[in-house]
């Protein structure tokens, strides 16, 4: 980000295809660099499917 923050997003999925609309997967966000004099909280956020991630992002970006 332009303020110096750095966030890593990692995704892990099963190799088996799923028919579920929101198939289980593991999504993690980790703050790996905080901006000067500004802590980011939470510094870690995890989701167990993409639908939960999408909802969380839309809620917090609104």
N, C-alpha and C. Protein backbone atom coordinates (compact mmCIF):
# COMPACT_ATOMS: atom_id res chain seq x y z
N UNK A 1 0.83 -1.17 0.00
CA UNK A 1 0.00 0.00 0.00
C UNK A 1 0.88 1.24 0.00
N UNK A 2 0.31 2.36 -0.37
CA UNK A 2 1.11 3.58 -0.46
C UNK A 2 1.57 4.11 0.89
N UNK A 3 1.01 3.60 2.01
CA UNK A 3 1.45 4.04 3.33
C UNK A 3 2.56 3.15 3.90
N UNK A 4 3.02 2.18 3.12
CA UNK A 4 4.10 1.30 3.56
C UNK A 4 3.65 -0.04 4.10
N UNK A 5 2.36 -0.22 4.29
CA UNK A 5 1.85 -1.50 4.78
C UNK A 5 2.03 -2.58 3.71
N UNK A 6 2.29 -3.79 4.17
CA UNK A 6 2.42 -4.92 3.25
C UNK A 6 1.60 -6.08 3.82
N UNK A 7 0.70 -6.61 2.99
CA UNK A 7 -0.19 -7.69 3.40
C UNK A 7 0.00 -8.86 2.44
N UNK A 8 0.13 -10.05 3.01
CA UNK A 8 0.27 -11.26 2.19
C UNK A 8 -1.05 -12.03 2.25
N UNK A 9 -1.54 -12.43 1.09
CA UNK A 9 -2.74 -13.27 0.99
C UNK A 9 -2.30 -14.62 0.47
N UNK A 10 -2.68 -15.69 1.18
CA UNK A 10 -2.35 -17.03 0.72
C UNK A 10 -3.63 -17.87 0.69
N UNK A 11 -3.73 -18.73 -0.32
CA UNK A 11 -4.91 -19.56 -0.52
C UNK A 11 -4.48 -21.00 -0.71
N UNK A 12 -5.18 -21.89 -0.04
CA UNK A 12 -4.94 -23.33 -0.19
C UNK A 12 -6.27 -23.99 -0.52
N UNK A 13 -6.27 -24.84 -1.55
CA UNK A 13 -7.49 -25.53 -1.97
C UNK A 13 -7.19 -27.00 -2.17
N UNK A 14 -8.24 -27.82 -2.01
CA UNK A 14 -8.11 -29.24 -2.33
C UNK A 14 -8.02 -29.40 -3.84
N UNK A 15 -7.36 -30.45 -4.26
CA UNK A 15 -7.26 -30.73 -5.70
C UNK A 15 -8.55 -31.33 -6.25
N UNK A 16 -9.35 -31.90 -5.37
CA UNK A 16 -10.61 -32.51 -5.80
C UNK A 16 -11.62 -31.41 -6.13
N UNK A 17 -12.24 -31.45 -7.29
CA UNK A 17 -13.25 -30.45 -7.62
C UNK A 17 -14.47 -30.61 -6.71
N UNK A 18 -15.14 -29.52 -6.47
CA UNK A 18 -16.31 -29.53 -5.60
C UNK A 18 -17.48 -28.89 -6.32
N UNK A 19 -18.68 -29.42 -6.09
CA UNK A 19 -19.89 -28.85 -6.67
C UNK A 19 -20.50 -27.78 -5.77
N UNK A 20 -19.91 -27.57 -4.60
CA UNK A 20 -20.44 -26.58 -3.67
C UNK A 20 -20.21 -25.17 -4.19
N UNK A 21 -21.18 -24.31 -3.99
CA UNK A 21 -21.05 -22.92 -4.42
C UNK A 21 -19.88 -22.24 -3.70
N UNK A 22 -19.77 -22.51 -2.41
CA UNK A 22 -18.67 -21.96 -1.61
C UNK A 22 -17.86 -23.11 -1.05
N UNK A 23 -17.11 -23.74 -1.90
CA UNK A 23 -16.32 -24.90 -1.49
C UNK A 23 -15.29 -24.50 -0.44
N UNK A 24 -14.98 -25.45 0.43
CA UNK A 24 -14.00 -25.21 1.48
C UNK A 24 -12.63 -24.93 0.88
N UNK A 25 -12.00 -23.92 1.39
CA UNK A 25 -10.62 -23.59 1.07
C UNK A 25 -10.08 -22.82 2.26
N UNK A 26 -8.82 -22.52 2.26
CA UNK A 26 -8.21 -21.84 3.40
C UNK A 26 -7.53 -20.58 2.88
N UNK A 27 -8.01 -19.45 3.35
CA UNK A 27 -7.52 -18.15 2.90
C UNK A 27 -6.99 -17.41 4.13
N UNK A 28 -5.76 -16.96 4.05
CA UNK A 28 -5.15 -16.23 5.15
C UNK A 28 -4.61 -14.89 4.66
N UNK A 29 -4.82 -13.86 5.45
CA UNK A 29 -4.22 -12.55 5.25
C UNK A 29 -3.31 -12.30 6.44
N UNK A 30 -2.07 -11.94 6.18
CA UNK A 30 -1.11 -11.62 7.23
C UNK A 30 -0.46 -10.28 6.94
N UNK A 31 -0.47 -9.40 7.93
CA UNK A 31 0.25 -8.13 7.80
C UNK A 31 1.72 -8.44 8.04
N UNK A 32 2.55 -8.22 7.04
CA UNK A 32 3.97 -8.53 7.20
C UNK A 32 4.82 -7.26 7.36
N UNK A 33 4.20 -6.10 7.12
CA UNK A 33 4.88 -4.83 7.41
C UNK A 33 3.82 -3.79 7.76
N UNK A 34 3.98 -3.20 8.96
CA UNK A 34 3.08 -2.15 9.41
C UNK A 34 3.63 -0.80 8.96
N UNK A 35 2.75 0.17 8.67
CA UNK A 35 3.22 1.51 8.36
C UNK A 35 3.90 2.13 9.59
N UNK A 36 4.73 3.12 9.37
CA UNK A 36 5.41 3.80 10.48
C UNK A 36 4.39 4.36 11.46
N UNK A 37 4.58 4.05 12.73
CA UNK A 37 3.76 4.59 13.83
C UNK A 37 2.27 4.28 13.68
N UNK A 38 1.93 3.19 13.01
CA UNK A 38 0.52 2.84 12.85
C UNK A 38 0.39 1.32 12.83
N UNK A 39 -0.20 0.76 13.87
CA UNK A 39 -0.41 -0.68 13.92
C UNK A 39 -1.70 -1.05 13.19
N UNK A 40 -1.68 -2.15 12.48
CA UNK A 40 -2.86 -2.65 11.79
C UNK A 40 -3.42 -3.80 12.61
N UNK A 41 -4.72 -3.73 12.88
CA UNK A 41 -5.35 -4.78 13.69
C UNK A 41 -6.67 -5.18 13.03
N UNK A 42 -6.94 -6.45 12.92
CA UNK A 42 -6.10 -7.58 13.32
C UNK A 42 -4.94 -7.75 12.34
N UNK A 43 -3.86 -8.31 12.82
CA UNK A 43 -2.70 -8.52 11.95
C UNK A 43 -2.80 -9.83 11.18
N UNK A 44 -3.81 -10.63 11.51
CA UNK A 44 -4.05 -11.89 10.79
C UNK A 44 -5.55 -12.12 10.69
N UNK A 45 -6.01 -12.52 9.50
CA UNK A 45 -7.42 -12.83 9.28
C UNK A 45 -7.49 -14.10 8.44
N UNK A 46 -8.34 -15.04 8.85
CA UNK A 46 -8.46 -16.32 8.14
C UNK A 46 -9.91 -16.58 7.77
N UNK A 47 -10.09 -17.25 6.64
CA UNK A 47 -11.42 -17.64 6.16
C UNK A 47 -11.36 -19.08 5.70
N UNK A 48 -12.52 -19.78 5.79
CA UNK A 48 -12.54 -21.17 5.36
C UNK A 48 -13.28 -21.38 4.04
N UNK A 49 -13.70 -20.28 3.40
CA UNK A 49 -14.21 -20.35 2.03
C UNK A 49 -14.25 -18.94 1.44
N UNK A 50 -14.34 -18.87 0.14
CA UNK A 50 -14.28 -17.58 -0.56
C UNK A 50 -15.52 -16.72 -0.30
N UNK A 51 -16.66 -17.33 -0.01
CA UNK A 51 -17.87 -16.55 0.27
C UNK A 51 -17.71 -15.75 1.55
N UNK A 52 -17.12 -16.34 2.57
CA UNK A 52 -16.89 -15.61 3.83
C UNK A 52 -15.89 -14.48 3.62
N UNK A 53 -14.87 -14.74 2.82
CA UNK A 53 -13.89 -13.69 2.52
C UNK A 53 -14.57 -12.53 1.79
N UNK A 54 -15.38 -12.83 0.79
CA UNK A 54 -16.08 -11.81 0.01
C UNK A 54 -16.99 -10.98 0.90
N UNK A 55 -17.74 -11.64 1.78
CA UNK A 55 -18.63 -10.93 2.69
C UNK A 55 -17.84 -10.00 3.61
N UNK A 56 -16.76 -10.52 4.20
CA UNK A 56 -15.94 -9.73 5.12
C UNK A 56 -15.36 -8.51 4.42
N UNK A 57 -14.83 -8.71 3.21
CA UNK A 57 -14.25 -7.59 2.46
C UNK A 57 -15.31 -6.55 2.10
N UNK A 58 -16.48 -6.98 1.64
CA UNK A 58 -17.52 -6.02 1.26
C UNK A 58 -18.03 -5.27 2.48
N UNK A 59 -18.11 -5.92 3.63
CA UNK A 59 -18.56 -5.27 4.86
C UNK A 59 -17.56 -4.20 5.31
N UNK A 60 -16.28 -4.51 5.26
CA UNK A 60 -15.27 -3.60 5.77
C UNK A 60 -14.83 -2.54 4.75
N UNK A 61 -15.17 -2.71 3.50
CA UNK A 61 -14.82 -1.71 2.49
C UNK A 61 -15.99 -0.77 2.18
N UNK A 62 -17.15 -1.04 2.78
CA UNK A 62 -18.35 -0.23 2.52
C UNK A 62 -18.27 1.12 3.19
